Amino acid sequence: MEAFSPTPPQWIENAVHSLDFHCPRCGNEAKKAKRVWLNRRAPVIGENYERKWQEFYQCECGEAWWSWSNDRPPSELAKREDQ
């Protein structure tokens, strides 16, 4: 599976940073991405000593983008459990 490969795929080379965790070109959510790669080899230590890492996505429209793991919106499944 490419998502957990230790070697970065070539398609991430021109990825742009998305501040709102969806494709900056077409607005698709991450779950609609064709490809995903997690940069788990280079975590960043944030506030409260929590680790975060880059999550790279290649959208259906062809745009490659990335965002920090802690910027990901809450899962729809988590919302259901709270009810």
C-alpha atoms as a PDB file:
ATOM      1  CA  MET A   1       0.000   0.000   0.000  1.00  0.00           C
ATOM      2  CA  GLU A   2       1.464   3.334  -1.026  1.00  0.00           C
ATOM      3  CA  ALA A   3       0.069   5.308   1.942  1.00  0.00           C
ATOM      4  CA  PHE A   4       2.532   3.771   4.393  1.00  0.00           C
ATOM      5  CA  SER A   5       5.525   3.362   2.103  1.00  0.00           C
ATOM      6  CA  PRO A   6       8.725   4.725   3.670  1.00  0.00           C
ATOM      7  CA  THR A   7       9.748   6.172   0.300  1.00  0.00           C
ATOM      8  CA  PRO A   8       7.871   9.271  -0.869  1.00  0.00           C
ATOM      9  CA  PRO A   9       6.096   8.836  -4.210  1.00  0.00           C
ATOM     10  CA  GLN A  10       7.048  11.137  -7.065  1.00  0.00           C
ATOM     11  CA  TRP A  11       3.556  12.650  -7.351  1.00  0.00           C
ATOM     12  CA  ILE A  12       4.014  14.594  -4.057  1.00  0.00           C
ATOM     13  CA  GLU A  13       6.894  16.714  -5.410  1.00  0.00           C
ATOM     14  CA  ASN A  14       4.633  19.588  -6.503  1.00  0.00           C
ATOM     15  CA  ALA A  15       2.020  19.233  -3.748  1.00  0.00           C
ATOM     16  CA  VAL A  16       0.605  22.474  -2.363  1.00  0.00           C
ATOM     17  CA  HIS A  17      -0.315  23.108   1.264  1.00  0.00           C
ATOM     18  CA  SER A  18      -4.056  23.154   1.865  1.00  0.00           C
ATOM     19  CA  LEU A  19      -5.016  25.064   4.999  1.00  0.00           C
ATOM     20  CA  ASP A  20      -8.617  23.841   5.051  1.00  0.00           C
ATOM     21  CA  PHE A  21      -7.991  20.108   4.462  1.00  0.00           C
ATOM     22  CA  HIS A  22      -9.491  19.735   1.016  1.00  0.00           C
ATOM     23  CA  CYS A  23      -8.306  20.095  -2.553  1.00  0.00           C
ATOM     24  CA  PRO A  24      -7.359  23.714  -3.222  1.00  0.00           C
ATOM     25  CA  ARG A  25      -8.276  23.344  -6.911  1.00  0.00           C
ATOM     26  CA  CYS A  26     -11.727  21.718  -6.874  1.00  0.00           C
ATOM     27  CA  GLY A  27     -12.702  21.549  -3.182  1.00  0.00           C
ATOM     28  CA  ASN A  28     -13.009  17.737  -2.958  1.00  0.00           C
ATOM     29  CA  GLU A  29     -12.587  16.206   0.479  1.00  0.00           C
ATOM     30  CA  ALA A  30      -9.594  14.008   1.305  1.00  0.00           C
ATOM     31  CA  LYS A  31     -11.764  10.868   1.256  1.00  0.00           C
ATOM     32  CA  LYS A  32     -12.233  11.325  -2.509  1.00  0.00           C
ATOM     33  CA  ALA A  33      -8.478  11.279  -3.200  1.00  0.00           C
ATOM     34  CA  LYS A  34      -7.055   8.824  -5.752  1.00  0.00           C
ATOM     35  CA  ARG A  35      -3.822   8.409  -3.791  1.00  0.00           C
ATOM     36  CA  VAL A  36      -2.608   9.068  -0.269  1.00  0.00           C
ATOM     37  CA  TRP A  37       0.838   9.117   1.309  1.00  0.00           C
ATOM     38  CA  LEU A  38       1.609   9.790   4.977  1.00  0.00           C
ATOM     39  CA  ASN A  39       5.021  11.218   5.836  1.00  0.00           C
ATOM     40  CA  ARG A  40       5.346   9.296   9.091  1.00  0.00           C
ATOM     41  CA  ARG A  41       9.146   9.329   9.007  1.00  0.00           C
ATOM     42  CA  ALA A  42       9.407  13.025   9.845  1.00  0.00           C
ATOM     43  CA  PRO A  43       6.892  13.916  12.564  1.00  0.00           C
ATOM     44  CA  VAL A  44       6.792  17.427  13.951  1.00  0.00           C
ATOM     45  CA  ILE A  45       6.291  17.998  17.661  1.00  0.00           C
ATOM     46  CA  GLY A  46       3.541  20.540  18.230  1.00  0.00           C
ATOM     47  CA  GLU A  47       1.959  22.127  21.234  1.00  0.00           C
ATOM     48  CA  ASN A  48       1.589  19.870  24.276  1.00  0.00           C
ATOM     49  CA  TYR A  49       4.252  17.616  22.742  1.00  0.00           C
ATOM     50  CA  GLU A  50       1.759  16.052  20.340  1.00  0.00           C
ATOM     51  CA  ARG A  51       3.158  14.613  17.132  1.00  0.00           C
ATOM     52  CA  LYS A  52       1.778  15.630  13.768  1.00  0.00           C
ATOM     53  CA  TRP A  53       2.837  14.686  10.261  1.00  0.00           C
ATOM     54  CA  GLN A  54       2.174  15.631   6.680  1.00  0.00           C
ATOM     55  CA  GLU A  55      -0.638  13.837   4.870  1.00  0.00           C
ATOM     56  CA  PHE A  56      -0.387  14.022   1.089  1.00  0.00           C
ATOM     57  CA  TYR A  57      -3.356  13.527  -1.227  1.00  0.00           C
ATOM     58  CA  GLN A  58      -3.739  13.327  -4.995  1.00  0.00           C
ATOM     59  CA  CYS A  59      -7.231  14.456  -5.891  1.00  0.00           C
ATOM     60  CA  GLU A  60      -9.468  13.091  -8.640  1.00  0.00           C
ATOM     61  CA  CYS A  61      -8.823  16.365 -10.510  1.00  0.00           C
ATOM     62  CA  GLY A  62      -5.072  15.651 -10.529  1.00  0.00           C
ATOM     63  CA  GLU A  63      -4.033  18.250  -7.926  1.00  0.00           C
ATOM     64  CA  ALA A  64      -1.569  17.066  -5.283  1.00  0.00           C
ATOM     65  CA  TRP A  65      -1.954  18.710  -1.894  1.00  0.00           C
ATOM     66  CA  TRP A  66      -0.961  18.189   1.717  1.00  0.00           C
ATOM     67  CA  SER A  67      -2.065  19.203   5.178  1.00  0.00           C
ATOM     68  CA  TRP A  68      -1.041  18.512   8.759  1.00  0.00           C
ATOM     69  CA  SER A  69      -2.597  15.457  10.386  1.00  0.00           C
ATOM     70  CA  ASN A  70      -3.960  17.506  13.281  1.00  0.00           C
ATOM     71  CA  ASP A  71      -5.836  19.779  10.835  1.00  0.00           C
ATOM     72  CA  ARG A  72      -8.017  16.887   9.658  1.00  0.00           C
ATOM     73  CA  PRO A  73     -11.678  17.505  10.535  1.00  0.00           C
ATOM     74  CA  PRO A  74     -13.360  15.087  12.957  1.00  0.00           C
ATOM     75  CA  SER A  75     -14.629  11.849  11.461  1.00  0.00           C
ATOM     76  CA  GLU A  76     -18.325  11.478  10.696  1.00  0.00           C
ATOM     77  CA  LEU A  77     -18.178   8.263  12.727  1.00  0.00           C
ATOM     78  CA  ALA A  78     -17.034  10.182  15.809  1.00  0.00           C
ATOM     79  CA  LYS A  79     -20.017  12.530  15.421  1.00  0.00           C
ATOM     80  CA  ARG A  80     -22.429   9.562  15.470  1.00  0.00           C
ATOM     81  CA  GLU A  81     -20.901   8.141  18.651  1.00  0.00           C
ATOM     82  CA  ASP A  82     -21.391  11.459  20.477  1.00  0.00           C
ATOM     83  CA  GLN A  83     -25.145  11.422  19.936  1.00  0.00           C
END
